[in-house]
Amino acid sequence: MRRRYTEEFKESAARMVIEGKVSAREASANLGVKLSTLLSWVRRRRDGEAAVQDDLRRQVRKMQAEIDRLKAERDILKKAAAYFAREDP
């Protein structure tokens, strides 16, 4: 019969290994989980973290481009305001 593990259990087990609290082999033995199963949980968590980091990097690049565009617009508006504020009779 195949054992079912909760997501919380999988997360906790993977975190122990990723954070270096115990080796994968030790965690496997202590938790009564096959080493290959535990390693798949660790891999899945690491892949998920990498995907989140990639998404955050994309968002930062997009926001930086927006900041650059807004600064350029602000500078143009400052120059236009200065030009129109001059009193030339």
N, C-alpha and C. Protein backbone atom coordinates (compact mmCIF):
# COMPACT_ATOMS: atom_id res chain seq x y z
N MET A 1 0.84 -1.17 0.00
CA MET A 1 0.00 0.00 0.00
C MET A 1 0.89 1.25 0.00
N ARG A 2 0.53 2.19 -0.83
CA ARG A 2 1.32 3.41 -1.00
C ARG A 2 0.95 4.44 0.07
N ARG A 3 1.97 5.00 0.72
CA ARG A 3 1.72 6.01 1.76
C ARG A 3 1.45 7.36 1.12
N ARG A 4 0.55 8.11 1.74
CA ARG A 4 0.23 9.46 1.29
C ARG A 4 0.78 10.43 2.33
N TYR A 5 1.43 11.48 1.87
CA TYR A 5 1.99 12.48 2.77
C TYR A 5 1.30 13.81 2.51
N THR A 6 1.12 14.57 3.58
CA THR A 6 0.50 15.89 3.42
C THR A 6 1.52 16.84 2.79
N GLU A 7 1.02 17.90 2.19
CA GLU A 7 1.91 18.89 1.60
C GLU A 7 2.78 19.55 2.68
N GLU A 8 2.22 19.72 3.86
CA GLU A 8 2.98 20.32 4.96
C GLU A 8 4.16 19.41 5.35
N PHE A 9 3.92 18.11 5.37
CA PHE A 9 4.97 17.16 5.70
C PHE A 9 6.07 17.21 4.65
N LYS A 10 5.67 17.21 3.37
CA LYS A 10 6.64 17.26 2.28
C LYS A 10 7.47 18.54 2.34
N GLU A 11 6.78 19.64 2.59
CA GLU A 11 7.44 20.94 2.67
C GLU A 11 8.45 20.96 3.82
N SER A 12 8.04 20.48 4.96
CA SER A 12 8.91 20.45 6.14
C SER A 12 10.13 19.56 5.91
N ALA A 13 9.91 18.40 5.35
CA ALA A 13 11.01 17.47 5.08
C ALA A 13 12.00 18.07 4.09
N ALA A 14 11.48 18.66 3.02
CA ALA A 14 12.35 19.27 2.01
C ALA A 14 13.12 20.45 2.61
N ARG A 15 12.45 21.25 3.41
CA ARG A 15 13.10 22.42 4.02
C ARG A 15 14.26 21.99 4.92
N MET A 16 14.09 20.89 5.67
CA MET A 16 15.16 20.39 6.55
C MET A 16 16.42 20.11 5.74
N VAL A 17 16.23 19.52 4.57
CA VAL A 17 17.37 19.16 3.73
C VAL A 17 17.96 20.40 3.07
N ILE A 18 17.10 21.26 2.53
CA ILE A 18 17.57 22.46 1.83
C ILE A 18 18.33 23.39 2.77
N GLU A 19 17.83 23.54 3.98
CA GLU A 19 18.48 24.43 4.94
C GLU A 19 19.72 23.80 5.58
N GLY A 20 19.99 22.54 5.26
CA GLY A 20 21.20 21.87 5.74
C GLY A 20 21.13 21.40 7.18
N LYS A 21 19.93 21.30 7.72
CA LYS A 21 19.80 20.82 9.10
C LYS A 21 20.21 19.36 9.21
N VAL A 22 19.86 18.58 8.20
CA VAL A 22 20.25 17.16 8.12
C VAL A 22 20.49 16.82 6.66
N SER A 23 21.22 15.75 6.44
CA SER A 23 21.43 15.31 5.06
C SER A 23 20.15 14.65 4.55
N ALA A 24 20.05 14.52 3.27
CA ALA A 24 18.88 13.87 2.68
C ALA A 24 18.78 12.43 3.16
N ARG A 25 19.91 11.77 3.26
CA ARG A 25 19.93 10.38 3.70
C ARG A 25 19.44 10.26 5.15
N GLU A 26 19.90 11.17 6.02
CA GLU A 26 19.47 11.16 7.43
C GLU A 26 17.97 11.46 7.55
N ALA A 27 17.53 12.47 6.82
CA ALA A 27 16.11 12.84 6.88
C ALA A 27 15.25 11.68 6.39
N SER A 28 15.70 11.04 5.33
CA SER A 28 14.97 9.90 4.78
C SER A 28 14.82 8.80 5.82
N ALA A 29 15.91 8.49 6.49
CA ALA A 29 15.88 7.43 7.50
C ALA A 29 15.03 7.84 8.70
N ASN A 30 15.20 9.08 9.16
CA ASN A 30 14.46 9.55 10.35
C ASN A 30 12.96 9.65 10.10
N LEU A 31 12.58 10.02 8.89
CA LEU A 31 11.16 10.23 8.58
C LEU A 31 10.48 8.98 8.02
N GLY A 32 11.28 7.98 7.66
CA GLY A 32 10.69 6.77 7.09
C GLY A 32 10.19 6.97 5.68
N VAL A 33 10.91 7.80 4.93
CA VAL A 33 10.55 8.11 3.55
C VAL A 33 11.67 7.63 2.65
N LYS A 34 11.33 7.06 1.50
CA LYS A 34 12.36 6.63 0.56
C LYS A 34 13.21 7.83 0.15
N LEU A 35 14.50 7.61 0.02
CA LEU A 35 15.42 8.68 -0.35
C LEU A 35 15.01 9.32 -1.67
N SER A 36 14.66 8.52 -2.65
CA SER A 36 14.28 9.07 -3.96
C SER A 36 13.04 9.95 -3.85
N THR A 37 12.12 9.58 -3.00
CA THR A 37 10.91 10.38 -2.79
C THR A 37 11.26 11.72 -2.18
N LEU A 38 12.08 11.67 -1.13
CA LEU A 38 12.49 12.91 -0.46
C LEU A 38 13.25 13.81 -1.43
N LEU A 39 14.14 13.26 -2.22
CA LEU A 39 14.90 14.06 -3.17
C LEU A 39 14.00 14.70 -4.22
N SER A 40 12.93 14.01 -4.59
CA SER A 40 12.00 14.61 -5.55
C SER A 40 11.27 15.81 -4.92
N TRP A 41 10.96 15.72 -3.63
CA TRP A 41 10.32 16.84 -2.94
C TRP A 41 11.29 18.03 -2.87
N VAL A 42 12.56 17.74 -2.58
CA VAL A 42 13.57 18.80 -2.51
C VAL A 42 13.73 19.45 -3.88
N ARG A 43 13.82 18.65 -4.91
CA ARG A 43 13.99 19.17 -6.28
C ARG A 43 12.80 20.04 -6.68
N ARG A 44 11.60 19.57 -6.38
CA ARG A 44 10.39 20.31 -6.72
C ARG A 44 10.38 21.67 -6.02
N ARG A 45 10.76 21.67 -4.74
CA ARG A 45 10.77 22.93 -3.98
C ARG A 45 11.82 23.88 -4.55
N ARG A 46 12.99 23.37 -4.85
CA ARG A 46 14.05 24.23 -5.43
C ARG A 46 13.62 24.78 -6.78
N ASP A 47 12.99 23.94 -7.60
CA ASP A 47 12.52 24.41 -8.90
C ASP A 47 11.47 25.50 -8.73
N GLY A 48 10.59 25.32 -7.76
CA GLY A 48 9.55 26.32 -7.49
C GLY A 48 10.16 27.63 -7.04
N GLU A 49 11.18 27.56 -6.19
CA GLU A 49 11.85 28.78 -5.72
C GLU A 49 12.55 29.48 -6.88
N ALA A 50 13.16 28.71 -7.77
CA ALA A 50 13.84 29.30 -8.93
C ALA A 50 12.83 30.00 -9.83
N ALA A 51 11.67 29.39 -10.02
CA ALA A 51 10.64 30.00 -10.86
C ALA A 51 10.15 31.31 -10.25
N VAL A 52 9.99 31.34 -8.95
CA VAL A 52 9.56 32.56 -8.26
C VAL A 52 10.62 33.64 -8.42
N GLN A 53 11.88 33.27 -8.26
CA GLN A 53 12.96 34.25 -8.40
C GLN A 53 13.02 34.80 -9.82
N ASP A 54 12.84 33.93 -10.83
CA ASP A 54 12.82 34.39 -12.21
C ASP A 54 11.68 35.37 -12.44
N ASP A 55 10.52 35.07 -11.88
CA ASP A 55 9.37 35.95 -12.02
C ASP A 55 9.65 37.30 -11.35
N LEU A 56 10.26 37.27 -10.18
CA LEU A 56 10.59 38.52 -9.49
C LEU A 56 11.59 39.34 -10.29
N ARG A 57 12.57 38.68 -10.89
CA ARG A 57 13.55 39.41 -11.72
C ARG A 57 12.86 40.07 -12.91
N ARG A 58 11.93 39.36 -13.54
CA ARG A 58 11.19 39.95 -14.66
C ARG A 58 10.39 41.17 -14.21
N GLN A 59 9.75 41.05 -13.06
CA GLN A 59 8.98 42.17 -12.53
C GLN A 59 9.86 43.37 -12.23
N VAL A 60 11.04 43.13 -11.66
CA VAL A 60 11.96 44.22 -11.35
C VAL A 60 12.41 44.91 -12.64
N ARG A 61 12.75 44.13 -13.66
CA ARG A 61 13.16 44.72 -14.94
C ARG A 61 12.04 45.56 -15.54
N LYS A 62 10.82 45.05 -15.47
CA LYS A 62 9.67 45.78 -16.01
C LYS A 62 9.45 47.08 -15.23
N MET A 63 9.54 47.00 -13.91
CA MET A 63 9.35 48.21 -13.10
C MET A 63 10.47 49.22 -13.34
N GLN A 64 11.69 48.75 -13.51
CA GLN A 64 12.80 49.66 -13.78
C GLN A 64 12.60 50.38 -15.12
N ALA A 65 12.12 49.65 -16.11
CA ALA A 65 11.83 50.28 -17.40
C ALA A 65 10.74 51.34 -17.25
N GLU A 66 9.73 51.03 -16.45
CA GLU A 66 8.65 52.00 -16.20
C GLU A 66 9.19 53.23 -15.46
N ILE A 67 10.06 53.02 -14.49
CA ILE A 67 10.68 54.14 -13.76
C ILE A 67 11.48 55.01 -14.72
N ASP A 68 12.26 54.39 -15.58
CA ASP A 68 13.06 55.14 -16.55
C ASP A 68 12.17 55.96 -17.48
N ARG A 69 11.07 55.37 -17.93
CA ARG A 69 10.13 56.08 -18.81
C ARG A 69 9.50 57.25 -18.08
N LEU A 70 9.08 57.05 -16.84
CA LEU A 70 8.45 58.12 -16.07
C LEU A 70 9.44 59.26 -15.78
N LYS A 71 10.69 58.92 -15.51
CA LYS A 71 11.70 59.96 -15.29
C LYS A 71 11.90 60.79 -16.55
N ALA A 72 11.95 60.12 -17.70
CA ALA A 72 12.11 60.84 -18.96
C ALA A 72 10.92 61.77 -19.20
N GLU A 73 9.71 61.28 -18.95
CA GLU A 73 8.52 62.13 -19.11
C GLU A 73 8.56 63.32 -18.16
N ARG A 74 8.97 63.07 -16.91
CA ARG A 74 9.07 64.15 -15.92
C ARG A 74 10.06 65.22 -16.39
N ASP A 75 11.20 64.79 -16.90
CA ASP A 75 12.21 65.75 -17.36
C ASP A 75 11.69 66.58 -18.53
N ILE A 76 10.96 65.95 -19.44
CA ILE A 76 10.38 66.69 -20.56
C ILE A 76 9.37 67.71 -20.06
N LEU A 77 8.54 67.31 -19.11
CA LEU A 77 7.54 68.24 -18.56
C LEU A 77 8.20 69.40 -17.81
N LYS A 78 9.29 69.14 -17.10
CA LYS A 78 10.02 70.20 -16.40
C LYS A 78 10.55 71.22 -17.41
N LYS A 79 11.13 70.72 -18.49
CA LYS A 79 11.68 71.61 -19.51
C LYS A 79 10.56 72.41 -20.18
N ALA A 80 9.45 71.76 -20.45
CA ALA A 80 8.32 72.46 -21.07
C ALA A 80 7.76 73.52 -20.14
N ALA A 81 7.65 73.21 -18.87
CA ALA A 81 7.14 74.18 -17.89
C ALA A 81 8.08 75.37 -17.79
N ALA A 82 9.38 75.12 -17.79
CA ALA A 82 10.35 76.21 -17.72
C ALA A 82 10.28 77.07 -18.97
N TYR A 83 10.11 76.45 -20.11
CA TYR A 83 10.03 77.18 -21.37
C TYR A 83 8.80 78.09 -21.38
N PHE A 84 7.66 77.57 -21.00
CA PHE A 84 6.42 78.35 -21.02
C PHE A 84 6.33 79.36 -19.87
N ALA A 85 7.13 79.14 -18.83
CA ALA A 85 7.10 80.05 -17.69
C ALA A 85 7.93 81.32 -17.96
N ARG A 86 8.80 81.25 -18.96
CA ARG A 86 9.61 82.44 -19.28
C ARG A 86 8.70 83.56 -19.73
N GLU A 87 9.08 84.74 -19.33
CA GLU A 87 8.28 85.90 -19.72
C GLU A 87 8.96 86.61 -20.86
N ASP A 88 8.64 86.25 -22.03
CA ASP A 88 9.17 86.93 -23.23
C ASP A 88 8.06 87.81 -23.80
N PRO A 89 8.31 89.11 -23.79
CA PRO A 89 7.26 89.98 -24.35
C PRO A 89 7.17 89.95 -25.84
